[in-house]
Protein backbone atom coordinates (compact mmCIF):
# COMPACT_ATOMS: atom_id res chain seq x y z
CA MET A 1 0.00 0.00 0.00
CA PRO A 2 1.45 3.43 -0.94
CA SER A 3 2.45 5.67 1.95
CA ALA A 4 0.16 8.56 2.84
CA MET A 5 0.90 12.00 1.49
CA VAL A 6 2.44 14.26 4.15
CA ILE A 7 1.65 17.98 3.97
CA GLY A 8 3.21 20.49 6.34
CA LEU A 9 1.03 23.26 7.75
CA VAL A 10 2.56 26.42 9.21
CA CYS A 11 0.33 28.82 11.14
CA HIS A 12 -0.03 30.91 14.26
CA SER A 13 -1.04 28.75 17.23
CA GLY A 14 -4.27 30.72 17.61
CA HIS A 15 -5.22 29.98 14.00
CA ARG A 16 -4.67 26.22 14.14
CA PRO A 17 -8.37 25.37 14.69
CA ARG A 18 -9.40 26.93 11.37
CA PHE A 19 -6.55 25.13 9.56
CA GLU A 20 -7.68 21.87 11.18
CA GLN A 21 -11.23 22.53 10.04
CA ALA A 22 -10.05 23.04 6.46
CA ALA A 23 -7.90 19.89 6.58
CA ARG A 24 -10.82 17.64 7.58
CA THR A 25 -12.01 17.52 3.98
CA LEU A 26 -8.89 15.63 2.84
CA THR A 27 -8.46 11.90 3.34
CA GLY A 28 -5.38 9.83 2.61
CA VAL A 29 -3.25 12.76 3.77
CA SER A 30 -1.40 13.20 7.06
CA PHE A 31 -0.42 16.61 8.37
CA ALA A 32 2.72 17.82 10.12
CA TRP A 33 2.36 21.05 12.07
CA ALA A 34 4.64 23.99 12.78
CA THR A 35 2.89 26.58 14.95
CA TYR A 36 4.28 29.80 16.38
CA ASP A 37 3.16 32.50 18.81
CA ARG A 38 5.46 35.30 17.58
CA GLU A 39 6.81 36.02 14.11
CA GLU A 40 10.37 35.73 15.46
CA GLN A 41 9.76 32.00 16.05
CA ILE A 42 8.82 31.18 12.45
CA ARG A 43 12.24 30.25 11.10
CA GLU A 44 13.02 28.00 14.06
CA ARG A 45 9.68 26.19 13.75
CA ILE A 46 9.99 25.63 10.01
CA THR A 47 13.60 24.48 10.36
CA GLY A 48 12.44 21.85 12.84
CA LEU A 49 9.55 20.78 10.62
CA LEU A 50 11.81 20.28 7.60
CA ARG A 51 14.37 18.42 9.73
CA ASP A 52 11.94 16.05 11.46
CA GLN A 53 9.43 15.34 8.69
CA SER A 54 9.61 14.04 5.13
CA LEU A 55 7.16 16.44 3.51
CA ASP A 56 5.42 16.06 0.16
CA GLY A 57 4.09 19.63 0.26
CA LEU A 58 3.91 22.73 2.45
CA LEU A 59 1.10 25.23 3.07
CA LEU A 60 1.90 28.50 4.84
CA GLY A 61 0.83 32.14 4.94
CA LEU A 62 2.41 35.29 3.52
CA VAL A 63 4.45 36.18 6.61
CA PRO A 64 5.82 32.64 7.26
CA TYR A 65 6.74 32.36 3.58
CA ALA A 66 8.55 35.71 3.62
CA ARG A 67 10.44 34.74 6.79
CA SER A 68 11.50 31.28 5.56
CA ARG A 69 11.72 31.39 1.77
CA ASP A 70 15.44 30.65 1.77
CA LEU A 71 14.92 27.55 3.96
CA LEU A 72 12.50 25.77 1.64
CA PRO A 73 13.88 22.94 -0.54
CA PRO A 74 13.61 23.85 -4.26
CA ASP A 75 11.79 20.59 -5.11
CA LEU A 76 9.16 20.93 -2.35
CA PRO A 77 5.69 21.95 -3.65
CA VAL A 78 4.67 25.08 -1.73
CA THR A 79 1.37 26.98 -1.58
CA VAL A 80 1.12 30.41 0.04
CA THR A 81 -2.38 30.91 1.42
CA ARG A 82 -3.67 34.40 2.02
CA SER A 83 -6.84 36.21 3.05
CA ALA A 84 -9.13 36.83 0.08
CA ALA A 85 -11.62 39.56 -0.85
CA LEU A 86 -14.43 37.55 0.74
CA ASP A 87 -12.52 37.39 4.02
CA LEU A 88 -12.17 41.18 4.03
CA ALA A 89 -15.87 41.66 3.23
CA LEU A 90 -16.82 39.38 6.13
CA VAL A 91 -14.72 41.46 8.54
CA TRP A 92 -16.40 44.66 7.36
CA SER A 93 -19.76 42.98 7.91
CA ARG A 94 -18.69 42.09 11.45
CA ALA A 95 -17.72 45.71 12.10
CA ARG A 96 -21.14 46.91 10.98
CA GLY A 97 -22.71 44.24 13.19
CA ASN A 98 -20.83 45.78 16.12
CA GLY A 99 -22.43 49.11 15.31
CA TRP A 100 -19.17 50.63 14.00
CA PRO A 101 -19.01 52.83 10.90
CA ALA A 102 -17.47 51.19 7.83
CA THR A 103 -15.04 54.11 7.42
CA PRO A 104 -12.63 55.65 8.24
CA VAL A 105 -10.56 52.53 8.67
CA SER A 106 -6.93 51.43 8.37
CA ILE A 107 -6.11 48.07 6.73
CA ASP A 108 -2.84 46.15 6.37
CA THR A 109 -1.56 43.28 4.17
CA PHE A 110 -4.35 43.33 1.54
CA THR A 111 -3.46 44.79 -1.86
CA ARG A 112 -5.01 48.10 -2.82
CA GLU A 113 -6.75 46.28 -5.66
CA THR A 114 -8.54 43.92 -3.28
CA VAL A 115 -9.49 46.74 -0.89
CA ASP A 116 -10.90 48.85 -3.75
CA GLU A 117 -12.79 45.83 -5.12
CA VAL A 118 -14.52 45.16 -1.81
CA ALA A 119 -15.09 48.86 -1.11
CA THR A 120 -16.79 49.27 -4.49
CA ALA A 121 -19.01 46.24 -3.86
CA LEU A 122 -20.01 47.64 -0.45
CA ASP A 123 -20.41 51.21 -1.80
CA LEU A 124 -17.69 52.64 0.46
CA ASP A 125 -15.49 55.68 -0.21
CA PRO A 126 -11.95 54.42 -1.01
CA ALA A 127 -10.53 57.79 0.03
CA ALA A 128 -11.56 57.03 3.63
CA ILE A 129 -9.71 53.70 3.62
CA ALA A 130 -5.97 53.65 4.37
CA CYS A 131 -4.22 50.60 2.98
CA LEU A 132 -0.72 49.27 3.68
CA PRO A 133 -0.01 46.40 1.22
CA PHE A 134 2.15 43.51 2.34
CA ASP A 135 5.91 43.99 2.15
CA PRO A 136 8.05 40.92 2.91
CA ASP A 137 10.76 43.09 4.48
CA GLN A 138 8.41 45.13 6.66
CA PRO A 139 8.65 44.49 10.43
CA ILE A 140 5.52 44.40 12.54
CA ALA A 141 6.60 47.68 14.19
CA ASP A 142 6.19 49.51 10.86
CA VAL A 143 2.71 48.07 10.41
CA VAL A 144 1.71 49.23 13.89
CA ALA A 145 3.21 52.68 13.23
CA PHE A 146 1.16 52.96 10.04
CA HIS A 147 -2.07 52.18 11.90
CA ARG A 148 -1.25 54.62 14.69
CA GLU A 149 -0.65 57.37 12.15
CA GLN A 150 -3.96 56.68 10.43
CA ILE A 151 -5.83 56.57 13.74
CA ALA A 152 -4.40 59.97 14.69
CA ALA A 153 -5.12 61.47 11.26
CA THR A 154 -8.64 60.13 10.66
CA GLY A 155 -10.01 59.23 14.09
CA ALA A 156 -10.66 55.66 12.95
CA SER A 157 -12.35 53.64 15.69
CA TYR A 158 -10.87 50.31 14.56
CA VAL A 159 -8.33 48.76 12.22
CA ILE A 160 -8.42 45.62 10.08
CA SER A 161 -5.27 43.53 10.28
CA VAL A 162 -3.93 40.22 9.00
CA ARG A 163 -0.69 40.46 10.97
CA THR A 164 -0.48 38.70 14.31
CA GLY A 165 0.86 40.98 17.00
CA VAL A 166 -0.87 44.16 15.81
CA ALA A 167 -3.59 44.00 18.49
CA ALA A 168 -1.06 43.44 21.29
CA ALA A 169 1.19 46.24 20.06
CA LEU A 170 -1.70 48.72 19.87
CA ASP A 171 -2.52 47.74 23.47
CA GLY A 172 -6.18 48.68 23.47
CA GLN A 173 -5.62 52.02 21.74
CA VAL A 174 -8.19 50.95 19.16
CA ALA A 175 -10.19 47.82 18.33
CA VAL A 176 -8.51 45.38 15.94
CA LEU A 177 -10.48 43.04 13.68
CA ASN A 178 -8.45 40.15 12.30
CA ALA A 179 -9.11 39.51 8.60
CA LEU A 180 -7.86 35.95 8.70
CA ALA A 181 -8.32 33.51 5.86
CA THR A 182 -11.54 31.57 6.41
CA PRO A 183 -11.49 27.75 6.50
CA GLY A 184 -13.02 27.87 3.01
CA THR A 185 -10.11 29.90 1.64
CA ILE A 186 -7.56 27.62 3.31
CA ARG A 187 -9.44 24.53 2.12
CA ALA A 188 -9.29 25.64 -1.54
CA ASP A 189 -5.52 26.26 -1.30
CA LEU A 190 -4.99 22.95 0.49
CA HIS A 191 -6.93 21.00 -2.14
CA GLU A 192 -4.94 22.65 -4.93
CA LEU A 193 -1.66 21.74 -3.19
CA ALA A 194 -2.75 18.12 -2.64
CA LEU A 195 -3.67 17.74 -6.32
CA ARG A 196 -0.34 19.23 -7.36
CA VAL A 197 1.56 16.82 -5.09
CA ARG A 198 -0.44 13.87 -6.41
CA ASN A 199 0.26 14.89 -10.02
CA LYS A 200 3.93 15.24 -9.22
CA LYS A 201 4.05 11.76 -7.69
CA ALA A 202 2.30 10.34 -10.73
CA ASP A 203 4.75 12.16 -12.98
CA GLY A 204 1.81 13.40 -14.97
CA GLN A 205 2.31 17.11 -14.54
CA ARG A 206 3.73 19.07 -17.44
CA PHE A 207 6.34 21.69 -16.75
CA ALA A 208 6.76 25.07 -18.37
CA ALA A 209 9.40 27.78 -18.55
CA GLY A 210 9.03 31.53 -18.42
CA VAL A 211 11.63 34.00 -19.66
CA PHE A 212 11.32 37.59 -18.41
CA LEU A 213 13.34 40.13 -20.40
CA VAL A 214 14.12 43.69 -19.35
CA ALA A 215 13.45 46.14 -22.16
CA ALA A 216 16.20 48.50 -23.30
CA SER A 217 17.43 50.49 -20.31
CA SER A 218 20.43 52.56 -19.30
CA ASP A 219 21.06 50.24 -16.36
CA LEU A 220 20.22 46.71 -17.46
CA ASP A 221 21.96 44.97 -14.57
CA ARG A 222 20.11 46.94 -11.92
CA ALA A 223 16.77 46.44 -13.69
CA ARG A 224 17.40 42.69 -14.02
CA VAL A 225 18.24 42.37 -10.32
CA GLY A 226 15.11 44.36 -9.48
CA LEU A 227 13.01 42.10 -11.70
CA GLN A 228 14.45 38.96 -10.12
CA HIS A 229 13.78 40.35 -6.62
CA LEU A 230 10.17 41.10 -7.62
CA LEU A 231 9.63 37.55 -8.93
CA LEU A 232 11.23 35.99 -5.85
CA ASN A 233 8.85 37.94 -3.61
CA THR A 234 5.74 37.10 -5.64
CA PRO A 235 3.94 34.44 -3.55
CA GLU A 236 2.49 32.78 -6.66
CA PHE A 237 6.06 31.88 -7.65
CA ALA A 238 6.83 30.23 -4.30
CA ASP A 239 7.02 26.82 -5.99
CA ALA A 240 9.11 27.98 -8.97
CA TRP A 241 12.82 27.84 -9.72
CA ILE A 242 14.04 31.37 -10.56
CA ASP A 243 17.49 32.36 -11.78
CA ASN A 244 19.36 35.02 -13.77
CA ARG A 245 19.77 34.45 -17.48
CA GLY A 246 22.15 36.85 -19.13
CA ARG A 247 22.25 40.60 -18.67
CA ARG A 248 18.62 41.25 -19.56
CA GLY A 249 16.67 38.24 -18.42
CA VAL A 250 15.38 36.04 -15.64
CA VAL A 251 14.24 32.46 -16.25
CA VAL A 252 11.46 30.79 -14.26
CA PHE A 253 10.80 27.04 -14.35
CA ALA A 254 7.68 25.55 -12.75
CA HIS A 255 4.58 23.42 -13.22
CA ALA A 256 2.45 24.58 -16.14
CA ALA A 257 -0.48 24.90 -13.73
CA LEU A 258 1.45 27.54 -11.75
CA PHE A 259 1.82 29.74 -14.83
CA GLU A 260 -1.85 29.20 -15.66
CA THR A 261 -2.71 30.62 -12.22
CA VAL A 262 -0.30 33.58 -12.47
CA THR A 263 -1.61 34.53 -15.92
CA HIS A 264 -5.29 33.92 -15.08
CA GLN A 265 -5.41 31.07 -17.61
CA TRP A 266 -3.09 32.85 -20.08
CA VAL A 267 -5.14 36.06 -20.15
CA GLY A 268 -2.92 38.64 -18.43
CA LEU A 269 0.30 38.95 -16.45
CA PRO A 270 -0.20 41.48 -13.62
CA VAL A 271 3.37 41.07 -12.35
CA LEU A 272 4.55 43.04 -15.42
CA ALA A 273 2.43 45.99 -14.30
CA GLU A 274 3.96 45.76 -10.84
CA ALA A 275 7.42 45.78 -12.44
CA ARG A 276 6.47 48.92 -14.33
CA THR A 277 5.59 50.71 -11.07
CA LEU A 278 9.15 49.93 -9.96
CA GLY A 279 10.52 51.59 -13.11
CA ILE A 280 11.24 48.28 -14.87
CA ARG A 281 9.82 47.76 -18.36
CA ALA A 282 9.80 44.03 -19.02
CA VAL A 283 8.21 41.47 -21.31
CA ALA A 284 7.74 37.74 -20.81
CA GLY A 285 7.51 34.56 -22.83
CA PHE A 286 6.28 31.13 -21.78
CA GLY A 287 7.03 27.75 -23.30
CA ILE A 288 5.44 24.35 -22.72
CA GLY A 289 7.25 21.31 -24.08
CA ALA A 290 8.34 17.75 -23.46
CA SER A 291 11.71 18.71 -21.95
CA ALA A 292 13.21 21.51 -19.91
CA ARG A 293 15.45 22.53 -22.82
CA LEU A 294 12.50 22.77 -25.21
CA CYS A 295 10.44 24.71 -22.65
CA VAL A 296 13.15 27.35 -22.33
CA THR A 297 13.70 27.53 -26.13
CA LEU A 298 9.99 28.10 -26.72
CA ALA A 299 9.84 30.67 -23.89
CA GLU A 300 12.74 32.60 -25.43
CA ARG A 301 10.96 32.61 -28.76
CA ALA A 302 7.75 33.85 -27.09
CA ALA A 303 9.62 36.60 -25.23
CA ALA A 304 11.27 37.74 -28.47
CA ARG A 305 7.83 38.03 -30.01
CA ALA A 306 6.58 40.06 -27.02
CA GLU A 307 9.49 42.49 -27.49
CA GLN A 308 8.14 43.39 -30.91
CA ASP A 309 4.92 44.81 -29.44
CA ALA A 310 4.62 48.47 -28.50
CA ASP A 311 3.25 47.73 -25.02
CA PRO A 312 5.00 45.30 -22.63
CA GLY A 313 3.18 41.98 -22.53
CA ALA A 314 3.67 38.25 -22.83
CA TYR A 315 3.12 35.29 -25.17
CA LEU A 316 2.89 31.53 -24.78
CA ILE A 317 4.21 29.05 -27.35
CA SER A 318 3.67 25.32 -26.87
CA ASP A 319 5.39 22.39 -28.58
CA ASN A 320 2.24 21.59 -30.57
CA GLY A 321 2.44 24.95 -32.35
CA MET A 322 -0.19 26.79 -30.28
CA VAL A 323 0.47 30.50 -29.65
CA ILE A 324 -1.46 32.55 -27.09
CA GLY A 325 -1.04 36.29 -26.74
CA PRO A 326 -0.56 39.06 -26.30
CA MET A 327 -1.26 38.88 -22.58
CA GLY A 328 -1.53 42.37 -21.17
CA ALA A 329 0.02 43.71 -17.99
CA SER A 330 -3.25 44.44 -16.26
CA GLY A 331 -4.97 44.08 -12.95
CA VAL A 332 -2.36 45.30 -10.46
CA PRO A 333 -2.75 48.50 -8.45
CA LEU A 334 0.03 50.91 -7.67
CA THR A 335 1.44 49.39 -4.49
CA TYR A 336 4.61 51.01 -3.25
CA THR A 337 6.16 50.64 0.17
CA TYR A 338 7.15 54.00 1.52
CA GLN A 339 10.45 52.77 2.95
CA GLU A 340 11.84 52.79 -0.59
CA HIS A 341 11.38 56.52 -0.99
CA GLY A 342 13.77 58.05 1.50
CA GLY A 343 12.22 61.05 3.23
CA ILE A 344 8.65 60.32 2.21
CA GLU A 345 7.55 59.87 5.83
CA ALA A 346 8.69 63.37 6.76
CA LEU A 347 7.15 64.85 3.60
CA ALA A 348 3.88 63.04 4.23
CA GLY A 349 3.75 64.49 7.73
CA ARG A 350 4.22 68.04 6.43
CA VAL A 351 1.58 67.63 3.72
CA GLY A 352 -0.97 65.83 5.88
CA LEU A 353 -1.17 62.63 3.82
CA SER A 354 -0.25 59.07 4.71
CA PRO A 355 3.13 57.76 3.48
CA ALA A 356 1.25 55.01 1.60
CA THR A 357 -0.84 57.56 -0.34
CA LEU A 358 2.19 59.70 -1.10
CA SER A 359 4.08 56.60 -2.26
CA ARG A 360 1.31 55.74 -4.69
CA LEU A 361 1.32 59.32 -5.97
CA ALA A 362 5.08 59.07 -6.52
CA ALA A 363 4.47 55.89 -8.54
CA ILE A 364 1.86 57.67 -10.66
CA GLU A 365 4.24 60.58 -11.27
CA ARG A 366 6.91 58.23 -12.56
CA HIS A 367 4.40 56.52 -14.82
CA LEU A 368 3.29 59.89 -16.24
CA GLU A 369 6.91 60.72 -17.19
CA GLY A 370 6.32 64.48 -16.97
CA ARG A 371 2.85 64.51 -18.55
CA PRO A 372 0.28 66.72 -16.77
CA VAL A 373 -2.76 65.08 -15.23
CA SER A 374 -6.30 66.21 -14.48
CA PRO A 375 -7.96 65.70 -11.07
CA SER A 376 -10.29 63.12 -12.64
CA GLU A 377 -7.39 61.15 -14.15
CA LEU A 378 -5.61 61.18 -10.81
CA ALA A 379 -8.77 59.97 -9.07
CA ARG A 380 -9.11 57.05 -11.51
CA SER A 381 -5.47 56.07 -11.01
CA LEU A 382 -5.95 56.01 -7.23
CA GLY A 383 -9.36 54.35 -7.34
CA ILE A 384 -11.12 57.25 -5.58
CA THR A 385 -14.09 59.45 -6.47
CA ASP A 386 -13.73 62.61 -8.59
CA PRO A 387 -14.57 64.92 -5.65
CA SER A 388 -11.88 63.18 -3.59
CA GLY A 389 -9.46 63.64 -6.49
CA ARG A 390 -10.19 67.38 -6.60
CA ARG A 391 -9.70 67.69 -2.83
CA LEU A 392 -6.40 65.81 -3.12
CA ILE A 393 -5.19 68.11 -5.91
CA ARG A 394 -5.99 71.17 -3.77
CA LYS A 395 -3.99 69.72 -0.89
CA LEU A 396 -1.05 68.86 -3.17
CA SER A 397 -1.17 72.31 -4.79
CA SER A 398 -1.07 74.08 -1.45
CA SER A 399 2.12 72.13 -0.63
CA ARG A 400 3.66 72.73 -4.09
CA LEU A 401 3.51 69.00 -4.85
CA ALA A 402 1.20 69.67 -7.79
CA ILE A 403 1.94 72.57 -10.15
CA ASP A 404 -0.80 74.25 -12.21
CA ASP A 405 -0.07 73.47 -15.87
CA GLY A 406 -2.88 75.33 -17.63
CA SER A 407 -6.09 73.83 -18.92
CA SER A 408 -7.24 71.35 -21.54
CA GLN A 409 -10.48 71.31 -23.53
CA VAL A 410 -11.20 67.59 -23.54
CA HIS A 411 -14.73 67.95 -24.99
CA ARG A 412 -16.07 70.57 -27.38
CA LYS A 413 -18.79 71.44 -24.88
CA GLY A 414 -18.24 72.21 -21.25
CA ARG A 415 -15.60 74.03 -19.24
CA PRO A 416 -11.87 73.44 -19.80
CA THR A 417 -10.23 71.04 -17.36
CA ARG A 418 -7.38 72.28 -15.20
CA MET A 419 -4.20 70.25 -15.60
CA TYR A 420 -1.47 69.72 -13.01
CA ARG A 421 2.07 68.41 -13.07
CA LEU A 422 3.05 66.30 -10.05
CA ALA A 423 6.27 67.36 -8.28
CA ILE A 424 6.65 64.74 -5.56
CA THR A 425 9.90 63.24 -6.85
CA THR A 426 11.57 66.67 -6.86
CA ALA A 427 10.41 67.32 -3.29
CA LEU A 428 11.97 64.02 -2.20
CA GLU A 429 15.37 64.76 -3.70
CA PRO A 430 18.09 65.68 -1.18
CA SER A 431 18.54 69.45 -0.95
């Protein structure tokens, strides 16, 4: 009789019951646990799990993955589970059930895209929602500092957090609602991992290669390193092998199913949009074939085809002659971590905006490349209402972070639209 599949589960000790509930739906699988009470214990717990157990797969959250990525064997199937939009919506429903207003509120770990999606569905004002996306290098102290700043600025009566330790650090200053992944979310990720392990054991899973190429740049080496760092810190690529390939490229080798997930079934490649917000223009090609060598050859051919398009995108070429593309770089919000922008914290304090908002504005300015923007365009880029966009422009103008650049007659009828040139990057430069 074949031995049972062994899947490792890493979670906070207080969250183990919901992981156990999700695991009950799998039979023929045994589970090995690594639980922790503080984030500082994660590496030690995972080291012990890998030492004492022969694992067929590993399921863990965003924070444990970020803390232990370098410890994980390259051939171990890994799934990074995370709270979904539904989990966030349920927490907001709980807040309303407590009699609390939906906004203002401060949220960590969720992407701006997810927050805006749920806010739109619940008819909430995105401008009243502060969001700090997950950063693998961000200590819990920075997350707590972000929430404290938002509480002081907006008078929020509660925060929504995924990070363990936030409630203890705030020490009753404000209520904290944990937006943890529900058993249903964990169950779906666990089932996907079990199927992937079973396919791997049966040797029936096809592999694929992805080649990411940096477009022409004055500093190719720096852009390539930045692209590789971005891919390494993309949780969807936790189970992939990633390495440099020449001066302009990074090669990724993984199960074909992984690339199907990352590209939303070969429709789009949001990670390219995220690279663009970091100042990296890149294209990608994917290849599916009977051997690793053929996969890479086809991926290189697909990437070369993507380079011929005006807009960065991606193509897939398979060994049976099928070509899919172009896949656009869509679906990713502007998510910058303010630590990367030097004195942005001090500037944000002077202007009266959060560092996260100012970081996103800096990203938009870079994307505009000197082009003026209207308040409505700025509002659409940030995912806020037009009135909120006009209020933001007034605040930026009063601080000389937006310069009046005349007007533009977009439509034949109606009043001309005032245009503004963002000047955040200049304000951040050392004097």
